[in-house]
Amino acid sequence: MTEDDAATAALLEFLNATEAGIAAAKRLIKEAKSINHEPAWDPNKIKWLQAQGTSGPYERSEDLASQDFKRLVKDLAQHHGKLSKEVYFYWLFTNGSTVGRKKRDQTK
């Protein structure tokens, strides 16, 4: 094998390794984005019931038949049981299957 052949082989080996590294990096980035992507849920597709608590009226749901409810519960679990979206504050009850929501105070 000549010096030129050895240099060409080394360059091709380097390019193949670089290509494999780039492909792996793209895959990892894509996976990370899908993991960190906030689940899409529509609160209007969830059945809410009026309730009264120690801090006043709120709405609650245990709509286990709704995929949106299931995604909301998953999203709440990822946010330690509490989150705000649009004009509502949402929380997950300790039973893990009931969600409450209350309009946030917009004056603050």
C-alpha atoms as a PDB file:
ATOM      1  CA  MET A   1       0.000   0.000   0.000  1.00  0.00           C
ATOM      2  CA  THR A   2       1.401   3.380  -0.991  1.00  0.00           C
ATOM      3  CA  GLU A   3       1.419   6.480   1.177  1.00  0.00           C
ATOM      4  CA  ASP A   4      -1.392   7.959  -0.918  1.00  0.00           C
ATOM      5  CA  ASP A   5      -3.485   4.813  -0.497  1.00  0.00           C
ATOM      6  CA  ALA A   6      -2.912   4.796   3.273  1.00  0.00           C
ATOM      7  CA  ALA A   7      -3.801   8.499   3.533  1.00  0.00           C
ATOM      8  CA  THR A   8      -6.964   7.970   1.479  1.00  0.00           C
ATOM      9  CA  ALA A   9      -7.958   4.971   3.623  1.00  0.00           C
ATOM     10  CA  ALA A  10      -7.365   6.951   6.823  1.00  0.00           C
ATOM     11  CA  LEU A  11      -9.375   9.898   5.501  1.00  0.00           C
ATOM     12  CA  LEU A  12     -12.270   7.625   4.500  1.00  0.00           C
ATOM     13  CA  GLU A  13     -12.193   5.957   7.930  1.00  0.00           C
ATOM     14  CA  PHE A  14     -12.302   9.385   9.599  1.00  0.00           C
ATOM     15  CA  LEU A  15     -15.209  10.526   7.391  1.00  0.00           C
ATOM     16  CA  ASN A  16     -17.183   7.338   8.142  1.00  0.00           C
ATOM     17  CA  ALA A  17     -16.674   7.824  11.879  1.00  0.00           C
ATOM     18  CA  THR A  18     -17.692  11.478  11.627  1.00  0.00           C
ATOM     19  CA  GLU A  19     -20.818  10.550   9.656  1.00  0.00           C
ATOM     20  CA  ALA A  20     -21.792   7.948  12.260  1.00  0.00           C
ATOM     21  CA  GLY A  21     -21.225  10.479  15.060  1.00  0.00           C
ATOM     22  CA  ILE A  22     -23.391  13.081  13.345  1.00  0.00           C
ATOM     23  CA  ALA A  23     -26.192  10.546  12.794  1.00  0.00           C
ATOM     24  CA  ALA A  24     -26.055   9.510  16.469  1.00  0.00           C
ATOM     25  CA  ALA A  25     -26.089  13.146  17.614  1.00  0.00           C
ATOM     26  CA  LYS A  26     -29.129  13.909  15.427  1.00  0.00           C
ATOM     27  CA  ARG A  27     -30.961  10.902  16.877  1.00  0.00           C
ATOM     28  CA  LEU A  28     -30.167  11.923  20.458  1.00  0.00           C
ATOM     29  CA  ILE A  29     -31.301  15.508  19.861  1.00  0.00           C
ATOM     30  CA  LYS A  30     -34.551  14.317  18.278  1.00  0.00           C
ATOM     31  CA  GLU A  31     -35.216  11.955  21.219  1.00  0.00           C
ATOM     32  CA  ALA A  32     -34.470  14.681  23.761  1.00  0.00           C
ATOM     33  CA  LYS A  33     -36.863  17.081  22.063  1.00  0.00           C
ATOM     34  CA  SER A  34     -39.674  14.520  22.033  1.00  0.00           C
ATOM     35  CA  ILE A  35     -39.112  13.744  25.728  1.00  0.00           C
ATOM     36  CA  ASN A  36     -39.115  17.424  26.743  1.00  0.00           C
ATOM     37  CA  HIS A  37     -42.039  18.346  24.519  1.00  0.00           C
ATOM     38  CA  GLU A  38     -44.996  19.462  26.579  1.00  0.00           C
ATOM     39  CA  PRO A  39     -47.931  17.088  26.074  1.00  0.00           C
ATOM     40  CA  ALA A  40     -50.739  18.690  24.073  1.00  0.00           C
ATOM     41  CA  TRP A  41     -54.043  18.719  25.927  1.00  0.00           C
ATOM     42  CA  ASP A  42     -57.150  20.791  25.468  1.00  0.00           C
ATOM     43  CA  PRO A  43     -58.958  21.712  28.714  1.00  0.00           C
ATOM     44  CA  ASN A  44     -62.149  22.336  26.731  1.00  0.00           C
ATOM     45  CA  LYS A  45     -62.289  18.619  25.881  1.00  0.00           C
ATOM     46  CA  ILE A  46     -62.295  17.668  29.574  1.00  0.00           C
ATOM     47  CA  LYS A  47     -65.486  17.407  31.655  1.00  0.00           C
ATOM     48  CA  TRP A  48     -65.236  19.813  34.605  1.00  0.00           C
ATOM     49  CA  LEU A  49     -67.555  19.883  37.627  1.00  0.00           C
ATOM     50  CA  GLN A  50     -68.127  22.883  39.879  1.00  0.00           C
ATOM     51  CA  ALA A  51     -66.832  22.388  43.423  1.00  0.00           C
ATOM     52  CA  GLN A  52     -66.399  24.402  46.601  1.00  0.00           C
ATOM     53  CA  GLY A  53     -63.169  24.340  48.595  1.00  0.00           C
ATOM     54  CA  THR A  54     -61.748  26.124  51.612  1.00  0.00           C
ATOM     55  CA  SER A  55     -60.373  28.821  49.278  1.00  0.00           C
ATOM     56  CA  GLY A  56     -63.613  29.240  47.368  1.00  0.00           C
ATOM     57  CA  PRO A  57     -65.119  27.795  44.192  1.00  0.00           C
ATOM     58  CA  TYR A  58     -63.069  25.806  41.720  1.00  0.00           C
ATOM     59  CA  GLU A  59     -63.575  23.144  39.076  1.00  0.00           C
ATOM     60  CA  ARG A  60     -62.493  19.526  39.308  1.00  0.00           C
ATOM     61  CA  SER A  61     -62.299  16.597  36.943  1.00  0.00           C
ATOM     62  CA  GLU A  62     -61.817  12.852  37.045  1.00  0.00           C
ATOM     63  CA  ASP A  63     -62.543  12.404  33.317  1.00  0.00           C
ATOM     64  CA  LEU A  64     -60.555   9.175  32.902  1.00  0.00           C
ATOM     65  CA  ALA A  65     -62.276   8.488  29.562  1.00  0.00           C
ATOM     66  CA  SER A  66     -60.679  11.606  28.041  1.00  0.00           C
ATOM     67  CA  GLN A  67     -57.252  11.376  26.394  1.00  0.00           C
ATOM     68  CA  ASP A  68     -56.849  15.107  27.045  1.00  0.00           C
ATOM     69  CA  PHE A  69     -57.397  14.490  30.762  1.00  0.00           C
ATOM     70  CA  LYS A  70     -54.798  11.705  30.745  1.00  0.00           C
ATOM     71  CA  ARG A  71     -52.297  14.012  29.021  1.00  0.00           C
ATOM     72  CA  LEU A  72     -53.090  16.762  31.545  1.00  0.00           C
ATOM     73  CA  VAL A  73     -52.396  14.373  34.436  1.00  0.00           C
ATOM     74  CA  LYS A  74     -49.108  13.358  32.803  1.00  0.00           C
ATOM     75  CA  ASP A  75     -48.165  17.007  32.288  1.00  0.00           C
ATOM     76  CA  LEU A  76     -49.014  17.801  35.905  1.00  0.00           C
ATOM     77  CA  ALA A  77     -46.888  14.874  37.090  1.00  0.00           C
ATOM     78  CA  GLN A  78     -43.950  16.286  35.106  1.00  0.00           C
ATOM     79  CA  HIS A  79     -44.471  19.665  36.833  1.00  0.00           C
ATOM     80  CA  HIS A  80     -44.658  18.312  40.401  1.00  0.00           C
ATOM     81  CA  GLY A  81     -48.462  18.404  40.422  1.00  0.00           C
ATOM     82  CA  LYS A  82     -48.968  22.115  39.644  1.00  0.00           C
ATOM     83  CA  LEU A  83     -48.959  24.297  36.546  1.00  0.00           C
ATOM     84  CA  SER A  84     -50.548  27.346  34.969  1.00  0.00           C
ATOM     85  CA  LYS A  85     -51.900  27.511  31.432  1.00  0.00           C
ATOM     86  CA  GLU A  86     -53.673  30.494  29.954  1.00  0.00           C
ATOM     87  CA  VAL A  87     -55.996  31.875  32.668  1.00  0.00           C
ATOM     88  CA  TYR A  88     -56.110  28.752  34.863  1.00  0.00           C
ATOM     89  CA  PHE A  89     -53.986  27.267  37.615  1.00  0.00           C
ATOM     90  CA  TYR A  90     -54.150  23.446  37.606  1.00  0.00           C
ATOM     91  CA  TRP A  91     -53.198  21.031  40.365  1.00  0.00           C
ATOM     92  CA  LEU A  92     -53.220  17.297  40.858  1.00  0.00           C
ATOM     93  CA  PHE A  93     -54.877  15.973  43.999  1.00  0.00           C
ATOM     94  CA  THR A  94     -52.904  13.523  46.141  1.00  0.00           C
ATOM     95  CA  ASN A  95     -55.022  10.608  44.869  1.00  0.00           C
ATOM     96  CA  GLY A  96     -53.331  11.132  41.474  1.00  0.00           C
ATOM     97  CA  SER A  97     -56.572  10.843  39.509  1.00  0.00           C
ATOM     98  CA  THR A  98     -58.355  14.115  40.299  1.00  0.00           C
ATOM     99  CA  VAL A  99     -57.392  17.478  38.840  1.00  0.00           C
ATOM    100  CA  GLY A 100     -58.528  20.842  40.114  1.00  0.00           C
ATOM    101  CA  ARG A 101     -58.439  24.149  38.315  1.00  0.00           C
ATOM    102  CA  LYS A 102     -59.125  27.716  39.309  1.00  0.00           C
ATOM    103  CA  LYS A 103     -58.896  30.981  37.412  1.00  0.00           C
ATOM    104  CA  ARG A 104     -55.713  32.820  38.285  1.00  0.00           C
ATOM    105  CA  ASP A 105     -55.890  36.305  39.743  1.00  0.00           C
ATOM    106  CA  GLN A 106     -55.167  38.470  36.685  1.00  0.00           C
ATOM    107  CA  THR A 107     -54.574  41.657  38.734  1.00  0.00           C
ATOM    108  CA  LYS A 108     -51.083  40.634  39.880  1.00  0.00           C
END
